[in-house]
Amino acid sequence: MVRFLRFCTDTATGYRHDPEVANGVKDATTGSKNSWFAMNERKWMVRFIFLESVAGVPGMVGGVLRHLRSLRKLKRDNGWIETLLEEAYNERMHLLTFMKIAEPGWFMKVMILGAQGVFFNAMFFSYIISPRTCHRFVGYLEEEAVLTYTRAIADIDAGKLPKWKTLEAPEIAVRYWKMPEGQRTMRDLLLYIRADEAKHREVNHTLGNLKQDVDPNPFVSVYDDPGKPHPCKGIEHIKPTGWERQEVI
């Protein structure tokens, strides 16, 4: 399913990348700027805007459904709602940041409208049926997002995106991520966003390992031994595959 969605998204956004790079056979910084797989600044921005326009859907769907469930059962949610809504808000900030750099045309807006409608409804019914499967699915989607931003950063380092070499991050990004002076280039911005996506990957894989109805959210829990590595909101002890249930419960 993830591979199929990846294919559809790649097709919709005109994204191409050397399969040898994707498979780790060839360094992402090599290759001709004029090859079939070459991406320019416009193509990357189209992809970023499309991806982030739907990336904020899963967290909102999960947060809303768990919120309604909490109200319906007159019980607390053990901290899951806040984390899911924070994820949705963070993804929306990615989109708003890119919107300060480029404004999509009417065709892109129509594609976003259609994709959001399909994805929201699919996630809504899927989360009702199996929230654990949805979190696992989103974890894999976030892995694809990490790969996308990694390749974009590699293209900047390889000199394939000259317009972004000195492009400054928008003011909205500087305020949101509190970007320090001297570290506010487009490359720095993508590093921040990639870190966010890596965190979402960890969070969703971890939530997918838990018992959905009874386990507390380990990312907002207080631990007896703070010095021991444990889930947190930062990236100090990040685990790409998530935390196993026996590690946090």
Protein backbone atom coordinates (compact mmCIF):
# COMPACT_ATOMS: atom_id res chain seq x y z
CA MET A 1 0.00 0.00 0.00
CA VAL A 2 2.80 2.42 0.91
CA ARG A 3 4.61 1.63 -2.35
CA PHE A 4 1.40 2.21 -4.34
CA LEU A 5 0.78 5.56 -2.65
CA ARG A 6 4.40 6.48 -3.24
CA PHE A 7 4.00 5.72 -6.94
CA CYS A 8 0.81 7.81 -7.15
CA THR A 9 2.41 10.73 -5.32
CA ASP A 10 5.56 10.57 -7.44
CA THR A 11 3.44 10.60 -10.59
CA ALA A 12 1.24 13.49 -9.41
CA THR A 13 4.18 15.67 -8.41
CA GLY A 14 6.51 14.80 -11.29
CA TYR A 15 9.06 13.38 -8.88
CA ARG A 16 11.82 11.18 -10.23
CA HIS A 17 14.88 9.83 -8.51
CA ASP A 18 17.55 7.42 -9.59
CA PRO A 19 16.53 3.93 -8.34
CA GLU A 20 20.20 3.16 -7.68
CA VAL A 21 20.21 6.05 -5.21
CA ALA A 22 17.02 4.77 -3.58
CA ASN A 23 18.56 1.31 -3.22
CA GLY A 24 21.79 2.67 -1.77
CA VAL A 25 23.89 1.54 -4.72
CA LYS A 26 24.90 5.05 -5.74
CA ASP A 27 25.65 8.17 -3.72
CA ALA A 28 22.78 10.67 -3.84
CA THR A 29 25.20 13.53 -4.52
CA THR A 30 26.38 12.03 -7.82
CA GLY A 31 24.74 12.07 -11.23
CA SER A 32 24.14 14.53 -14.02
CA LYS A 33 21.98 17.60 -13.53
CA ASN A 34 20.43 16.89 -16.93
CA SER A 35 19.61 13.22 -16.39
CA TRP A 36 16.11 11.73 -16.54
CA PHE A 37 16.03 11.73 -12.74
CA ALA A 38 17.08 15.38 -12.30
CA MET A 39 14.93 17.46 -9.95
CA ASN A 40 14.97 21.25 -9.91
CA GLU A 41 13.77 23.74 -7.32
CA ARG A 42 10.27 23.98 -8.81
CA LYS A 43 9.78 20.21 -8.90
CA TRP A 44 10.94 19.83 -5.32
CA MET A 45 8.61 22.60 -4.14
CA VAL A 46 5.64 21.03 -5.94
CA ARG A 47 6.39 17.77 -4.17
CA PHE A 48 6.84 19.40 -0.76
CA ILE A 49 3.58 21.34 -0.95
CA PHE A 50 1.59 18.32 -2.11
CA LEU A 51 3.06 16.03 0.54
CA GLU A 52 2.56 18.45 3.41
CA SER A 53 -1.01 19.26 2.33
CA VAL A 54 -2.02 15.67 3.13
CA ALA A 55 0.55 14.91 5.84
CA GLY A 56 -1.47 16.80 8.43
CA VAL A 57 -4.52 14.58 7.91
CA PRO A 58 -3.63 11.42 9.94
CA GLY A 59 -2.83 13.23 13.18
CA MET A 60 -6.02 15.27 13.00
CA VAL A 61 -8.16 12.23 12.19
CA GLY A 62 -6.66 10.23 15.05
CA GLY A 63 -6.90 13.14 17.47
CA VAL A 64 -10.53 13.91 16.62
CA LEU A 65 -11.67 10.29 16.84
CA ARG A 66 -9.91 9.73 20.15
CA HIS A 67 -11.32 13.04 21.43
CA LEU A 68 -14.86 11.97 20.56
CA ARG A 69 -14.24 8.55 22.08
CA SER A 70 -13.04 10.17 25.31
CA LEU A 71 -16.19 12.30 25.47
CA ARG A 72 -18.42 9.38 24.62
CA LYS A 73 -16.94 7.07 27.27
CA LEU A 74 -16.44 9.83 29.86
CA LYS A 75 -12.81 8.76 30.28
CA ARG A 76 -9.39 10.31 29.85
CA ASP A 77 -7.37 9.45 26.76
CA ASN A 78 -4.01 8.88 28.50
CA GLY A 79 -2.31 11.70 26.63
CA TRP A 80 -2.68 10.50 23.04
CA ILE A 81 -4.88 13.33 21.76
CA GLU A 82 -2.37 16.11 22.42
CA THR A 83 0.47 14.32 20.63
CA LEU A 84 -1.65 13.53 17.56
CA LEU A 85 -2.93 17.10 17.27
CA GLU A 86 0.61 18.44 17.74
CA GLU A 87 1.69 16.27 14.82
CA ALA A 88 -1.11 17.66 12.62
CA TYR A 89 -0.21 21.23 13.60
CA ASN A 90 3.47 20.63 12.90
CA GLU A 91 2.72 19.27 9.42
CA ARG A 92 0.55 22.30 8.70
CA MET A 93 3.41 24.59 9.69
CA HIS A 94 5.59 22.80 7.13
CA LEU A 95 2.98 23.61 4.49
CA LEU A 96 2.59 27.25 5.55
CA THR A 97 6.37 27.65 5.43
CA PHE A 98 6.60 26.33 1.87
CA MET A 99 3.66 28.53 0.88
CA LYS A 100 5.83 31.54 1.74
CA ILE A 101 8.35 30.34 -0.84
CA ALA A 102 6.02 29.32 -3.68
CA GLU A 103 2.33 29.71 -4.48
CA PRO A 104 0.71 26.65 -6.15
CA GLY A 105 -1.41 27.07 -9.26
CA TRP A 106 -5.04 26.09 -9.75
CA PHE A 107 -4.18 22.59 -10.98
CA MET A 108 -2.17 21.82 -7.85
CA LYS A 109 -4.97 23.17 -5.68
CA VAL A 110 -7.46 20.86 -7.40
CA MET A 111 -5.12 17.89 -6.87
CA ILE A 112 -4.76 18.79 -3.19
CA LEU A 113 -8.54 19.04 -2.80
CA GLY A 114 -9.06 15.61 -4.32
CA ALA A 115 -6.20 13.96 -2.45
CA GLN A 116 -7.30 15.38 0.88
CA GLY A 117 -10.88 14.23 0.38
CA VAL A 118 -9.86 10.68 -0.48
CA PHE A 119 -7.15 10.43 2.18
CA PHE A 120 -9.24 11.92 4.99
CA ASN A 121 -12.14 9.56 4.45
CA ALA A 122 -9.85 6.55 4.03
CA MET A 123 -8.02 7.39 7.25
CA PHE A 124 -11.27 8.10 9.09
CA PHE A 125 -12.81 4.71 8.45
CA SER A 126 -9.51 2.87 8.75
CA TYR A 127 -8.81 4.41 12.16
CA ILE A 128 -12.23 3.33 13.39
CA ILE A 129 -11.50 -0.24 12.29
CA SER A 130 -7.84 -0.54 13.34
CA PRO A 131 -5.98 2.45 14.84
CA ARG A 132 -2.88 0.32 15.37
CA THR A 133 -2.65 -0.44 11.65
CA CYS A 134 -3.12 3.25 10.86
CA HIS A 135 -0.24 4.28 13.14
CA ARG A 136 2.01 1.65 11.57
CA PHE A 137 0.99 2.84 8.11
CA VAL A 138 1.72 6.48 8.99
CA GLY A 139 5.10 5.44 10.40
CA TYR A 140 6.04 4.01 7.02
CA LEU A 141 4.75 7.11 5.24
CA GLU A 142 6.94 9.27 7.48
CA GLU A 143 9.91 7.12 6.51
CA GLU A 144 9.22 8.03 2.89
CA ALA A 145 9.08 11.70 3.89
CA VAL A 146 12.47 11.40 5.60
CA LEU A 147 13.92 9.90 2.40
CA THR A 148 12.42 12.69 0.30
CA TYR A 149 13.98 15.45 2.39
CA THR A 150 17.28 13.58 2.61
CA ARG A 151 17.49 13.45 -1.17
CA ALA A 152 16.59 17.13 -1.49
CA ILE A 153 19.36 18.03 0.94
CA ALA A 154 21.77 15.84 -1.03
CA ASP A 155 20.81 17.70 -4.21
CA ILE A 156 21.59 21.03 -2.51
CA ASP A 157 24.97 19.72 -1.33
CA ALA A 158 25.73 18.47 -4.85
CA GLY A 159 25.06 21.92 -6.32
CA LYS A 160 22.01 20.73 -8.27
CA LEU A 161 19.74 23.37 -6.71
CA PRO A 162 21.74 26.61 -7.02
CA LYS A 163 18.76 28.88 -6.24
CA TRP A 164 18.44 27.26 -2.81
CA LYS A 165 22.12 27.50 -1.94
CA THR A 166 21.68 30.98 -0.49
CA LEU A 167 17.90 31.20 -0.15
CA GLU A 168 16.91 32.34 3.32
CA ALA A 169 14.19 30.57 5.28
CA PRO A 170 10.90 32.54 5.58
CA GLU A 171 10.29 34.53 8.75
CA ILE A 172 7.50 32.15 9.78
CA ALA A 173 10.05 29.31 9.85
CA VAL A 174 12.61 31.34 11.77
CA ARG A 175 10.05 32.06 14.50
CA TYR A 176 8.54 28.59 14.63
CA TRP A 177 11.81 26.63 14.86
CA LYS A 178 13.71 29.46 16.57
CA MET A 179 16.41 29.19 13.92
CA PRO A 180 19.65 30.84 15.10
CA GLU A 181 21.50 33.53 13.17
CA GLY A 182 23.74 32.11 10.48
CA GLN A 183 21.66 28.92 10.23
CA ARG A 184 18.64 30.10 8.31
CA THR A 185 19.24 28.85 4.78
CA MET A 186 16.92 26.59 2.79
CA ARG A 187 19.20 23.67 3.61
CA ASP A 188 18.89 24.41 7.34
CA LEU A 189 15.10 24.59 6.96
CA LEU A 190 14.98 21.16 5.32
CA LEU A 191 17.09 19.75 8.15
CA TYR A 192 14.54 20.98 10.69
CA ILE A 193 11.64 19.58 8.70
CA ARG A 194 13.38 16.24 8.19
CA ALA A 195 13.93 16.01 11.95
CA ASP A 196 10.20 16.62 12.47
CA GLU A 197 9.32 13.84 10.04
CA ALA A 198 11.78 11.48 11.73
CA LYS A 199 10.09 12.21 15.05
CA HIS A 200 6.64 11.54 13.58
CA ARG A 201 7.97 8.24 12.28
CA GLU A 202 9.15 7.26 15.75
CA VAL A 203 5.92 8.38 17.43
CA ASN A 204 3.61 6.49 15.08
CA HIS A 205 5.64 3.28 15.12
CA THR A 206 5.67 3.45 18.92
CA LEU A 207 1.92 4.07 19.16
CA GLY A 208 1.43 1.17 16.77
CA ASN A 209 3.22 -1.10 19.27
CA LEU A 210 0.90 -0.22 22.16
CA LYS A 211 -2.51 -1.38 23.30
CA GLN A 212 -4.71 1.33 21.88
CA ASP A 213 -7.36 1.37 24.61
CA VAL A 214 -5.36 1.17 27.81
CA ASP A 215 -1.71 2.18 27.36
CA PRO A 216 -0.60 5.75 28.19
CA ASN A 217 1.22 7.90 25.67
CA PRO A 218 4.93 7.29 26.46
CA PHE A 219 5.96 10.61 24.89
CA VAL A 220 4.27 12.64 27.63
CA SER A 221 4.81 10.23 30.52
CA VAL A 222 7.03 10.87 33.56
CA TYR A 223 9.72 8.23 34.09
CA ASP A 224 11.23 7.00 37.37
CA ASP A 225 14.76 7.21 35.95
CA PRO A 226 15.03 10.31 33.71
CA GLY A 227 18.67 9.46 32.97
CA LYS A 228 17.72 6.25 31.20
CA PRO A 229 16.86 6.61 27.48
CA HIS A 230 13.09 6.88 27.03
CA PRO A 231 10.53 8.37 24.63
CA CYS A 232 10.33 12.16 24.77
CA LYS A 233 9.20 15.10 22.66
CA GLY A 234 12.74 15.90 21.54
CA ILE A 235 15.16 13.93 19.37
CA GLU A 236 17.63 13.01 22.11
CA HIS A 237 16.81 9.28 22.11
CA ILE A 238 15.02 8.93 18.79
CA LYS A 239 14.39 5.39 17.53
CA PRO A 240 13.50 5.07 13.81
CA THR A 241 11.53 1.86 14.34
CA GLY A 242 9.79 3.11 17.47
CA TRP A 243 9.84 1.86 21.05
CA GLU A 244 8.57 -1.60 21.89
CA ARG A 245 5.78 -1.85 24.44
CA GLN A 246 7.92 -3.67 27.01
CA GLU A 247 10.43 -0.80 26.88
CA VAL A 248 7.95 1.87 27.90
CA ILE A 249 5.10 0.23 29.82
